[in-house]
Amino acid sequence: MEHTNYENTTMMKFYGRIPLEFGSCMLYYSKGGIVQKLLHNLKYNNHSEISNFLGRMYCYQLTDLPIFSNITEIIPVPLHKKKLKKRGYNQVIGFAEALSQHFGIPINDKLLIKRLKTTSQTKKNRFQRLKNNTEEFALDNKQLNFETNNFLLIDDILTTGGTLEACSKILLKIPNSKITILCLASTI
């Protein structure tokens, strides 16, 4: 399977941008396709159960990867508090819960904070998505739990990688940190 190979398209997307222990996406996303419809229902039609369902499927595909024995915490990409209040849930929490239950890794959804309310990524072009947006995110240092931090950063969809790169750069400011990235889907 492509997404369990250490030289996959996700790893290549971040090559030279951020140092990753591992990175992978389960599904490919194309405009008008079934994955787009699933993720649209997850984010905008109040079907949060899709996140956990896809997460459980993905866990079984990832079970034999040794990388999970070193992960200390699962970090979901955060939503801005206003978007979270409007939507009622972070669309990747179900994915985080599936990973946590399967691999026995705690979730820390308070460590990363989205400080700035921004427009949806769907409204941005490729250049705008790639723009360094580290100022959008911050750390809550009170939430640091370990001396060595091997984070599993997760999101629903990987397009240009701008959001995940920004979050990773913030997390890598913590001494002794390592990053693994998983997403439910990636654009083709």
N, C-alpha and C. Protein backbone atom coordinates (compact mmCIF):
# COMPACT_ATOMS: atom_id res chain seq x y z
N MET A 1 0.84 -1.18 0.00
CA MET A 1 0.00 0.00 0.00
C MET A 1 0.88 1.24 0.00
N GLU A 2 0.54 2.18 -0.85
CA GLU A 2 1.32 3.40 -1.01
C GLU A 2 1.45 4.17 0.29
N HIS A 3 0.37 4.26 1.05
CA HIS A 3 0.40 5.11 2.25
C HIS A 3 1.14 4.49 3.43
N THR A 4 1.55 3.24 3.34
CA THR A 4 2.38 2.66 4.40
C THR A 4 3.85 2.60 4.00
N ASN A 5 4.16 3.06 2.81
CA ASN A 5 5.53 3.12 2.31
C ASN A 5 6.16 4.43 2.80
N TYR A 6 7.39 4.37 3.24
CA TYR A 6 8.06 5.57 3.75
C TYR A 6 8.43 6.57 2.65
N GLU A 7 8.37 6.16 1.40
CA GLU A 7 8.65 7.07 0.29
C GLU A 7 7.36 7.31 -0.49
N ASN A 8 6.34 7.79 0.19
CA ASN A 8 5.04 8.01 -0.44
C ASN A 8 4.87 9.48 -0.84
N THR A 9 3.75 9.79 -1.47
CA THR A 9 3.52 11.15 -1.97
C THR A 9 3.42 12.18 -0.84
N THR A 10 2.93 11.78 0.32
CA THR A 10 2.85 12.72 1.44
C THR A 10 4.26 13.09 1.90
N MET A 11 5.11 12.12 2.05
CA MET A 11 6.50 12.39 2.44
C MET A 11 7.18 13.29 1.41
N MET A 12 6.93 13.03 0.13
CA MET A 12 7.53 13.84 -0.92
C MET A 12 7.01 15.27 -0.90
N LYS A 13 5.75 15.44 -0.55
CA LYS A 13 5.15 16.78 -0.51
C LYS A 13 5.85 17.67 0.52
N PHE A 14 6.31 17.08 1.60
CA PHE A 14 6.95 17.85 2.67
C PHE A 14 8.48 17.83 2.61
N TYR A 15 9.04 17.09 1.67
CA TYR A 15 10.49 16.97 1.56
C TYR A 15 11.12 18.36 1.40
N GLY A 16 12.09 18.68 2.25
CA GLY A 16 12.77 19.97 2.19
C GLY A 16 12.02 21.10 2.88
N ARG A 17 10.81 20.83 3.32
CA ARG A 17 10.01 21.86 3.98
C ARG A 17 10.03 21.70 5.50
N ILE A 18 9.77 20.48 5.95
CA ILE A 18 9.83 20.16 7.38
C ILE A 18 10.36 18.74 7.54
N PRO A 19 11.11 18.50 8.61
CA PRO A 19 11.60 17.13 8.83
C PRO A 19 10.49 16.26 9.42
N LEU A 20 10.13 15.22 8.72
CA LEU A 20 9.08 14.31 9.19
C LEU A 20 9.67 12.94 9.52
N GLU A 21 9.13 12.34 10.56
CA GLU A 21 9.44 10.94 10.85
C GLU A 21 8.71 10.06 9.84
N PHE A 22 7.46 10.44 9.57
CA PHE A 22 6.62 9.71 8.62
C PHE A 22 5.43 10.58 8.28
N GLY A 23 4.86 10.38 7.12
CA GLY A 23 3.66 11.09 6.71
C GLY A 23 2.88 10.23 5.75
N SER A 24 1.55 10.31 5.84
CA SER A 24 0.72 9.47 4.98
C SER A 24 -0.71 9.99 4.94
N CYS A 25 -1.38 9.69 3.86
CA CYS A 25 -2.81 9.96 3.69
C CYS A 25 -3.49 8.68 3.22
N MET A 26 -4.70 8.45 3.69
CA MET A 26 -5.38 7.21 3.37
C MET A 26 -6.04 7.23 1.99
N LEU A 27 -6.69 8.33 1.66
CA LEU A 27 -7.50 8.40 0.44
C LEU A 27 -7.02 9.51 -0.48
N TYR A 28 -7.36 9.40 -1.74
CA TYR A 28 -7.12 10.47 -2.69
C TYR A 28 -8.41 11.24 -2.92
N TYR A 29 -8.27 12.54 -2.97
CA TYR A 29 -9.40 13.46 -3.07
C TYR A 29 -9.39 14.08 -4.46
N SER A 30 -10.50 13.98 -5.17
CA SER A 30 -10.61 14.67 -6.45
C SER A 30 -11.95 15.40 -6.48
N LYS A 31 -11.95 16.54 -7.13
CA LYS A 31 -13.15 17.37 -7.19
C LYS A 31 -14.31 16.57 -7.80
N GLY A 32 -15.43 16.55 -7.08
CA GLY A 32 -16.61 15.84 -7.54
C GLY A 32 -16.64 14.36 -7.20
N GLY A 33 -15.55 13.85 -6.62
CA GLY A 33 -15.45 12.43 -6.30
C GLY A 33 -16.12 12.07 -4.98
N ILE A 34 -16.16 10.79 -4.70
CA ILE A 34 -16.81 10.28 -3.50
C ILE A 34 -16.12 10.77 -2.23
N VAL A 35 -14.79 10.89 -2.27
CA VAL A 35 -14.05 11.36 -1.08
C VAL A 35 -14.40 12.82 -0.80
N GLN A 36 -14.53 13.63 -1.85
CA GLN A 36 -14.95 15.02 -1.64
C GLN A 36 -16.33 15.07 -0.98
N LYS A 37 -17.23 14.23 -1.44
CA LYS A 37 -18.58 14.20 -0.86
C LYS A 37 -18.55 13.77 0.60
N LEU A 38 -17.75 12.75 0.90
CA LEU A 38 -17.61 12.30 2.29
C LEU A 38 -17.09 13.42 3.19
N LEU A 39 -16.00 14.07 2.76
CA LEU A 39 -15.40 15.11 3.58
C LEU A 39 -16.29 16.35 3.67
N HIS A 40 -17.02 16.64 2.62
CA HIS A 40 -17.98 17.76 2.66
C HIS A 40 -19.07 17.46 3.70
N ASN A 41 -19.57 16.24 3.70
CA ASN A 41 -20.57 15.86 4.70
C ASN A 41 -20.00 15.90 6.11
N LEU A 42 -18.76 15.49 6.26
CA LEU A 42 -18.09 15.54 7.56
C LEU A 42 -18.01 16.98 8.07
N LYS A 43 -17.56 17.90 7.22
CA LYS A 43 -17.31 19.26 7.67
C LYS A 43 -18.55 20.15 7.70
N TYR A 44 -19.42 20.00 6.75
CA TYR A 44 -20.47 21.00 6.58
C TYR A 44 -21.89 20.49 6.79
N ASN A 45 -22.08 19.19 6.89
CA ASN A 45 -23.44 18.65 7.05
C ASN A 45 -23.62 17.88 8.35
N ASN A 46 -22.78 18.20 9.34
CA ASN A 46 -22.94 17.67 10.69
C ASN A 46 -22.85 16.15 10.77
N HIS A 47 -21.96 15.57 9.97
CA HIS A 47 -21.76 14.12 10.01
C HIS A 47 -20.38 13.81 10.60
N SER A 48 -20.20 14.17 11.87
CA SER A 48 -18.91 13.99 12.53
C SER A 48 -18.51 12.52 12.65
N GLU A 49 -19.49 11.61 12.57
CA GLU A 49 -19.19 10.17 12.68
C GLU A 49 -18.32 9.66 11.53
N ILE A 50 -18.30 10.38 10.42
CA ILE A 50 -17.48 9.98 9.27
C ILE A 50 -16.00 9.98 9.65
N SER A 51 -15.60 10.95 10.46
CA SER A 51 -14.21 11.07 10.89
C SER A 51 -13.75 9.82 11.64
N ASN A 52 -14.55 9.36 12.58
CA ASN A 52 -14.20 8.17 13.36
C ASN A 52 -14.23 6.91 12.50
N PHE A 53 -15.22 6.81 11.63
CA PHE A 53 -15.35 5.66 10.74
C PHE A 53 -14.13 5.52 9.84
N LEU A 54 -13.75 6.62 9.17
CA LEU A 54 -12.58 6.58 8.30
C LEU A 54 -11.31 6.35 9.12
N GLY A 55 -11.25 6.94 10.30
CA GLY A 55 -10.10 6.75 11.18
C GLY A 55 -9.91 5.29 11.56
N ARG A 56 -11.00 4.60 11.89
CA ARG A 56 -10.90 3.18 12.25
C ARG A 56 -10.43 2.35 11.06
N MET A 57 -10.93 2.67 9.87
CA MET A 57 -10.47 1.96 8.67
C MET A 57 -8.97 2.16 8.47
N TYR A 58 -8.53 3.39 8.64
CA TYR A 58 -7.13 3.74 8.43
C TYR A 58 -6.23 3.04 9.46
N CYS A 59 -6.69 2.94 10.69
CA CYS A 59 -5.91 2.29 11.76
C CYS A 59 -5.52 0.86 11.38
N TYR A 60 -6.44 0.14 10.82
CA TYR A 60 -6.15 -1.25 10.46
C TYR A 60 -5.11 -1.34 9.34
N GLN A 61 -5.07 -0.33 8.49
CA GLN A 61 -4.06 -0.32 7.44
C GLN A 61 -2.68 0.07 7.97
N LEU A 62 -2.67 0.78 9.10
CA LEU A 62 -1.41 1.28 9.67
C LEU A 62 -0.87 0.43 10.81
N THR A 63 -1.61 -0.58 11.22
CA THR A 63 -1.30 -1.36 12.42
C THR A 63 0.14 -1.84 12.50
N ASP A 64 0.70 -2.31 11.42
CA ASP A 64 2.03 -2.92 11.46
C ASP A 64 3.19 -1.93 11.33
N LEU A 65 2.89 -0.64 11.21
CA LEU A 65 3.99 0.33 11.10
C LEU A 65 4.63 0.55 12.47
N PRO A 66 5.94 0.44 12.57
CA PRO A 66 6.61 0.60 13.87
C PRO A 66 6.60 2.03 14.40
N ILE A 67 6.31 2.99 13.57
CA ILE A 67 6.36 4.40 13.97
C ILE A 67 5.46 4.72 15.16
N PHE A 68 4.37 4.00 15.32
CA PHE A 68 3.41 4.33 16.37
C PHE A 68 3.88 3.96 17.77
N SER A 69 4.88 3.13 17.88
CA SER A 69 5.39 2.77 19.21
C SER A 69 6.10 3.94 19.88
N ASN A 70 6.51 4.94 19.11
CA ASN A 70 7.24 6.09 19.66
C ASN A 70 6.40 7.35 19.80
N ILE A 71 5.19 7.36 19.29
CA ILE A 71 4.35 8.56 19.35
C ILE A 71 3.93 8.82 20.79
N THR A 72 4.09 10.08 21.24
CA THR A 72 3.70 10.42 22.61
C THR A 72 2.31 11.05 22.69
N GLU A 73 1.91 11.79 21.64
CA GLU A 73 0.59 12.43 21.66
C GLU A 73 0.05 12.62 20.25
N ILE A 74 -1.25 12.57 20.14
CA ILE A 74 -1.95 12.89 18.90
C ILE A 74 -2.40 14.34 18.99
N ILE A 75 -2.03 15.14 17.99
CA ILE A 75 -2.36 16.56 17.96
C ILE A 75 -3.25 16.84 16.75
N PRO A 76 -4.55 17.05 16.96
CA PRO A 76 -5.42 17.43 15.85
C PRO A 76 -5.15 18.88 15.43
N VAL A 77 -5.16 19.17 14.14
CA VAL A 77 -5.05 20.56 13.69
C VAL A 77 -6.26 21.29 14.28
N PRO A 78 -6.00 22.40 14.99
CA PRO A 78 -7.10 23.08 15.68
C PRO A 78 -7.93 23.97 14.76
N LEU A 79 -9.17 24.18 15.16
CA LEU A 79 -10.03 25.17 14.53
C LEU A 79 -10.00 26.43 15.38
N HIS A 80 -10.26 27.57 14.76
CA HIS A 80 -10.43 28.80 15.53
C HIS A 80 -11.67 28.64 16.40
N LYS A 81 -11.66 29.23 17.59
CA LYS A 81 -12.77 29.04 18.53
C LYS A 81 -14.12 29.47 17.96
N LYS A 82 -14.14 30.48 17.09
CA LYS A 82 -15.42 30.89 16.48
C LYS A 82 -15.92 29.86 15.48
N LYS A 83 -15.00 29.29 14.70
CA LYS A 83 -15.40 28.24 13.75
C LYS A 83 -15.85 26.99 14.50
N LEU A 84 -15.15 26.66 15.58
CA LEU A 84 -15.52 25.51 16.40
C LEU A 84 -16.91 25.70 16.99
N LYS A 85 -17.19 26.89 17.46
CA LYS A 85 -18.51 27.16 18.03
C LYS A 85 -19.60 27.06 16.96
N LYS A 86 -19.32 27.60 15.78
CA LYS A 86 -20.30 27.57 14.68
C LYS A 86 -20.56 26.14 14.20
N ARG A 87 -19.50 25.37 13.99
CA ARG A 87 -19.64 24.00 13.49
C ARG A 87 -20.09 23.05 14.59
N GLY A 88 -19.62 23.29 15.80
CA GLY A 88 -19.98 22.44 16.93
C GLY A 88 -18.99 21.33 17.21
N TYR A 89 -18.03 21.12 16.34
CA TYR A 89 -17.03 20.06 16.52
C TYR A 89 -15.85 20.31 15.58
N ASN A 90 -14.71 19.78 15.97
CA ASN A 90 -13.55 19.76 15.10
C ASN A 90 -13.64 18.47 14.29
N GLN A 91 -13.63 18.57 12.98
CA GLN A 91 -13.87 17.42 12.11
C GLN A 91 -12.81 16.33 12.21
N VAL A 92 -11.67 16.59 12.82
CA VAL A 92 -10.66 15.53 12.94
C VAL A 92 -10.64 14.84 14.30
N ILE A 93 -11.49 15.26 15.22
CA ILE A 93 -11.51 14.65 16.55
C ILE A 93 -11.89 13.16 16.48
N GLY A 94 -12.85 12.80 15.66
CA GLY A 94 -13.22 11.39 15.52
C GLY A 94 -12.06 10.56 15.01
N PHE A 95 -11.30 11.11 14.08
CA PHE A 95 -10.09 10.47 13.56
C PHE A 95 -9.08 10.30 14.70
N ALA A 96 -8.90 11.35 15.49
CA ALA A 96 -7.99 11.30 16.65
C ALA A 96 -8.43 10.23 17.64
N GLU A 97 -9.72 10.16 17.91
CA GLU A 97 -10.24 9.17 18.86
C GLU A 97 -10.01 7.74 18.36
N ALA A 98 -10.19 7.53 17.06
CA ALA A 98 -9.95 6.19 16.50
C ALA A 98 -8.48 5.80 16.65
N LEU A 99 -7.58 6.72 16.33
CA LEU A 99 -6.15 6.46 16.47
C LEU A 99 -5.77 6.22 17.93
N SER A 100 -6.31 7.04 18.82
CA SER A 100 -6.02 6.92 20.24
C SER A 100 -6.46 5.57 20.79
N GLN A 101 -7.66 5.18 20.43
CA GLN A 101 -8.19 3.90 20.91
C GLN A 101 -7.39 2.71 20.34
N HIS A 102 -7.08 2.77 19.07
CA HIS A 102 -6.39 1.66 18.41
C HIS A 102 -4.94 1.50 18.88
N PHE A 103 -4.23 2.63 18.98
CA PHE A 103 -2.80 2.58 19.30
C PHE A 103 -2.47 2.90 20.76
N GLY A 104 -3.48 3.31 21.54
CA GLY A 104 -3.25 3.62 22.95
C GLY A 104 -2.43 4.89 23.16
N ILE A 105 -2.62 5.87 22.29
CA ILE A 105 -1.88 7.14 22.37
C ILE A 105 -2.84 8.24 22.81
N PRO A 106 -2.45 9.07 23.79
CA PRO A 106 -3.36 10.13 24.24
C PRO A 106 -3.51 11.24 23.20
N ILE A 107 -4.66 11.89 23.23
CA ILE A 107 -4.95 13.05 22.38
C ILE A 107 -4.68 14.31 23.20
N ASN A 108 -4.00 15.27 22.59
CA ASN A 108 -3.83 16.58 23.21
C ASN A 108 -4.37 17.62 22.24
N ASP A 109 -5.63 17.97 22.41
CA ASP A 109 -6.25 18.94 21.50
C ASP A 109 -6.19 20.37 22.06
N LYS A 110 -5.35 20.58 23.06
CA LYS A 110 -5.20 21.91 23.67
C LYS A 110 -3.81 22.51 23.43
N LEU A 111 -2.85 21.70 22.98
CA LEU A 111 -1.48 22.17 22.82
C LEU A 111 -1.36 23.22 21.72
N LEU A 112 -1.95 22.97 20.57
CA LEU A 112 -1.95 23.92 19.46
C LEU A 112 -3.22 24.75 19.51
N ILE A 113 -3.07 26.04 19.29
CA ILE A 113 -4.21 26.95 19.28
C ILE A 113 -4.23 27.68 17.95
N LYS A 114 -5.40 27.79 17.35
CA LYS A 114 -5.53 28.62 16.15
C LYS A 114 -5.88 30.02 16.61
N ARG A 115 -4.93 30.93 16.50
CA ARG A 115 -5.10 32.29 17.03
C ARG A 115 -5.92 33.18 16.12
N LEU A 116 -5.73 33.05 14.82
CA LEU A 116 -6.37 33.95 13.87
C LEU A 116 -7.50 33.24 13.13
N LYS A 117 -8.61 33.95 13.01
CA LYS A 117 -9.72 33.41 12.22
C LYS A 117 -9.43 33.74 10.76
N THR A 118 -9.35 32.73 9.93
CA THR A 118 -9.03 32.92 8.52
C THR A 118 -10.16 32.39 7.65
N THR A 119 -10.13 32.77 6.39
CA THR A 119 -11.13 32.24 5.47
C THR A 119 -10.84 30.77 5.20
N SER A 120 -11.85 30.08 4.76
CA SER A 120 -11.72 28.65 4.46
C SER A 120 -10.65 28.43 3.40
N GLN A 121 -9.91 27.33 3.54
CA GLN A 121 -8.90 26.96 2.54
C GLN A 121 -9.54 26.77 1.17
N THR A 122 -10.81 26.40 1.15
CA THR A 122 -11.49 26.18 -0.14
C THR A 122 -11.62 27.48 -0.93
N LYS A 123 -11.48 28.61 -0.26
CA LYS A 123 -11.60 29.92 -0.92
C LYS A 123 -10.24 30.46 -1.35
N LYS A 124 -9.17 29.72 -1.08
CA LYS A 124 -7.82 30.20 -1.39
C LYS A 124 -7.23 29.46 -2.58
N ASN A 125 -6.37 30.18 -3.32
CA ASN A 125 -5.66 29.52 -4.41
C ASN A 125 -4.41 28.83 -3.85
N ARG A 126 -3.71 28.12 -4.70
CA ARG A 126 -2.54 27.34 -4.27
C ARG A 126 -1.49 28.21 -3.60
N PHE A 127 -1.21 29.37 -4.18
CA PHE A 127 -0.20 30.27 -3.62
C PHE A 127 -0.60 30.74 -2.22
N GLN A 128 -1.87 31.11 -2.06
CA GLN A 128 -2.35 31.57 -0.75
C GLN A 128 -2.28 30.45 0.29
N ARG A 129 -2.54 29.22 -0.13
CA ARG A 129 -2.49 28.09 0.80
C ARG A 129 -1.05 27.79 1.23
N LEU A 130 -0.11 28.00 0.31
CA LEU A 130 1.29 27.71 0.61
C LEU A 130 1.96 28.78 1.46
N LYS A 131 1.36 29.98 1.48
CA LYS A 131 1.95 31.09 2.23
C LYS A 131 2.23 30.66 3.67
N ASN A 132 3.39 31.02 4.15
CA ASN A 132 3.77 30.67 5.52
C ASN A 132 2.77 31.30 6.48
N ASN A 133 2.00 30.47 7.16
CA ASN A 133 0.97 30.98 8.06
C ASN A 133 1.21 30.56 9.51
N THR A 134 2.49 30.56 9.91
CA THR A 134 2.79 30.17 11.29
C THR A 134 2.21 31.14 12.30
N GLU A 135 1.96 32.39 11.90
CA GLU A 135 1.37 33.35 12.83
C GLU A 135 -0.08 33.00 13.18
N GLU A 136 -0.70 32.14 12.41
CA GLU A 136 -2.08 31.73 12.69
C GLU A 136 -2.17 30.81 13.90
N PHE A 137 -1.06 30.14 14.25
CA PHE A 137 -1.07 29.13 15.30
C PHE A 137 -0.13 29.51 16.44
N ALA A 138 -0.43 28.99 17.62
CA ALA A 138 0.41 29.22 18.80
C ALA A 138 0.38 27.97 19.67
N LEU A 139 1.33 27.92 20.61
CA LEU A 139 1.40 26.82 21.58
C LEU A 139 0.83 27.26 22.91
N ASP A 140 0.16 26.36 23.58
CA ASP A 140 -0.19 26.56 24.98
C ASP A 140 0.82 25.74 25.77
N ASN A 141 1.88 26.38 26.21
CA ASN A 141 3.00 25.68 26.87
C ASN A 141 2.58 24.94 28.13
N LYS A 142 1.47 25.32 28.73
CA LYS A 142 0.98 24.61 29.92
C LYS A 142 0.53 23.20 29.57
N GLN A 143 0.32 22.94 28.29
CA GLN A 143 -0.17 21.64 27.84
C GLN A 143 0.94 20.65 27.50
N LEU A 144 2.20 21.08 27.63
CA LEU A 144 3.32 20.17 27.35
C LEU A 144 3.37 19.09 28.42
N ASN A 145 3.44 17.84 27.98
CA ASN A 145 3.35 16.72 28.91
C ASN A 145 4.59 15.85 29.01
N PHE A 146 5.48 15.93 28.04
CA PHE A 146 6.59 14.99 27.99
C PHE A 146 7.91 15.71 27.77
N GLU A 147 8.99 15.06 28.20
CA GLU A 147 10.32 15.60 27.95
C GLU A 147 10.69 15.43 26.48
N THR A 148 10.35 14.28 25.92
CA THR A 148 10.53 14.02 24.50
C THR A 148 9.16 14.02 23.86
N ASN A 149 9.01 14.81 22.83
CA ASN A 149 7.70 14.96 22.20
C ASN A 149 7.75 14.42 20.78
N ASN A 150 7.08 13.31 20.58
CA ASN A 150 6.98 12.70 19.26
C ASN A 150 5.51 12.80 18.87
N PHE A 151 5.18 13.88 18.16
CA PHE A 151 3.79 14.22 17.89
C PHE A 151 3.26 13.55 16.62
N LEU A 152 2.03 13.12 16.70
CA LEU A 152 1.27 12.68 15.53
C LEU A 152 0.28 13.79 15.22
N LEU A 153 0.59 14.59 14.21
CA LEU A 153 -0.24 15.72 13.79
C LEU A 153 -1.21 15.22 12.74
N ILE A 154 -2.51 15.47 12.97
CA ILE A 154 -3.50 14.92 12.04
C ILE A 154 -4.43 16.01 11.50
N ASP A 155 -4.90 15.78 10.29
CA ASP A 155 -5.87 16.68 9.65
C ASP A 155 -6.76 15.86 8.74
N ASP A 156 -7.81 16.49 8.25
CA ASP A 156 -8.73 15.77 7.37
C ASP A 156 -8.22 15.68 5.94
N ILE A 157 -7.73 16.81 5.40
CA ILE A 157 -7.30 16.79 4.00
C ILE A 157 -6.00 17.56 3.82
N LEU A 158 -5.14 17.00 3.00
CA LEU A 158 -3.86 17.61 2.66
C LEU A 158 -3.97 18.14 1.24
N THR A 159 -3.83 19.45 1.08
CA THR A 159 -3.80 20.03 -0.27
C THR A 159 -2.36 20.43 -0.56
N THR A 160 -1.98 21.66 -0.24
CA THR A 160 -0.59 22.09 -0.45
C THR A 160 0.30 21.74 0.73
N GLY A 161 -0.29 21.51 1.88
CA GLY A 161 0.48 21.24 3.09
C GLY A 161 0.79 22.47 3.91
N GLY A 162 0.26 23.63 3.50
CA GLY A 162 0.55 24.88 4.21
C GLY A 162 0.15 24.87 5.67
N THR A 163 -1.05 24.39 5.97
CA THR A 163 -1.51 24.35 7.36
C THR A 163 -0.68 23.39 8.19
N LEU A 164 -0.45 22.20 7.68
CA LEU A 164 0.34 21.21 8.41
C LEU A 164 1.79 21.65 8.58
N GLU A 165 2.32 22.33 7.58
CA GLU A 165 3.68 22.86 7.70
C GLU A 165 3.74 23.92 8.80
N ALA A 166 2.76 24.82 8.82
CA ALA A 166 2.73 25.87 9.85
C ALA A 166 2.62 25.26 11.24
N CYS A 167 1.72 24.30 11.40
CA CYS A 167 1.56 23.63 12.71
C CYS A 167 2.83 22.89 13.11
N SER A 168 3.45 22.22 12.16
CA SER A 168 4.68 21.47 12.44
C SER A 168 5.80 22.40 12.88
N LYS A 169 5.93 23.54 12.21
CA LYS A 169 6.99 24.49 12.58
C LYS A 169 6.79 25.01 14.00
N ILE A 170 5.56 25.21 14.40
CA ILE A 170 5.27 25.63 15.78
C ILE A 170 5.65 24.51 16.75
N LEU A 171 5.24 23.28 16.45
CA LEU A 171 5.54 22.15 17.33
C LEU A 171 7.04 21.86 17.40
N LEU A 172 7.74 22.08 16.30
CA LEU A 172 9.19 21.82 16.28
C LEU A 172 9.99 22.84 17.08
N LYS A 173 9.36 23.91 17.52
CA LYS A 173 10.02 24.87 18.42
C LYS A 173 10.20 24.28 19.81
N ILE A 174 9.44 23.25 20.12
CA ILE A 174 9.56 22.56 21.40
C ILE A 174 10.81 21.68 21.33
N PRO A 175 11.71 21.79 22.31
CA PRO A 175 12.91 20.95 22.28
C PRO A 175 12.58 19.46 22.21
N ASN A 176 13.42 18.72 21.52
CA ASN A 176 13.29 17.25 21.38
C ASN A 176 11.98 16.82 20.74
N SER A 177 11.52 17.59 19.77
CA SER A 177 10.25 17.26 19.12
C SER A 177 10.47 16.57 17.78
N LYS A 178 9.56 15.66 17.47
CA LYS A 178 9.52 14.99 16.17
C LYS A 178 8.07 15.00 15.71
N ILE A 179 7.90 14.98 14.38
CA ILE A 179 6.56 15.08 13.80
C ILE A 179 6.29 13.92 12.85
N THR A 180 5.12 13.33 13.01
CA THR A 180 4.54 12.41 12.04
C THR A 180 3.21 13.02 11.64
N ILE A 181 2.87 12.94 10.37
CA ILE A 181 1.62 13.53 9.86
C ILE A 181 0.76 12.44 9.25
N LEU A 182 -0.51 12.44 9.62
CA LEU A 182 -1.51 11.59 8.97
C LEU A 182 -2.71 12.44 8.59
N CYS A 183 -3.25 12.18 7.41
CA CYS A 183 -4.48 12.83 6.96
C CYS A 183 -5.42 11.78 6.41
N LEU A 184 -6.69 12.09 6.47
CA LEU A 184 -7.67 11.17 5.90
C LEU A 184 -7.56 11.13 4.39
N ALA A 185 -7.27 12.29 3.77
CA ALA A 185 -7.22 12.34 2.31
C ALA A 185 -6.20 13.37 1.84
N SER A 186 -5.78 13.20 0.60
CA SER A 186 -4.86 14.12 -0.06
C SER A 186 -5.38 14.41 -1.46
N THR A 187 -5.21 15.65 -1.89
CA THR A 187 -5.59 15.97 -3.26
C THR A 187 -4.64 15.28 -4.22
N ILE A 188 -5.16 15.00 -5.39
CA ILE A 188 -4.36 14.30 -6.41
C ILE A 188 -3.45 15.29 -7.11
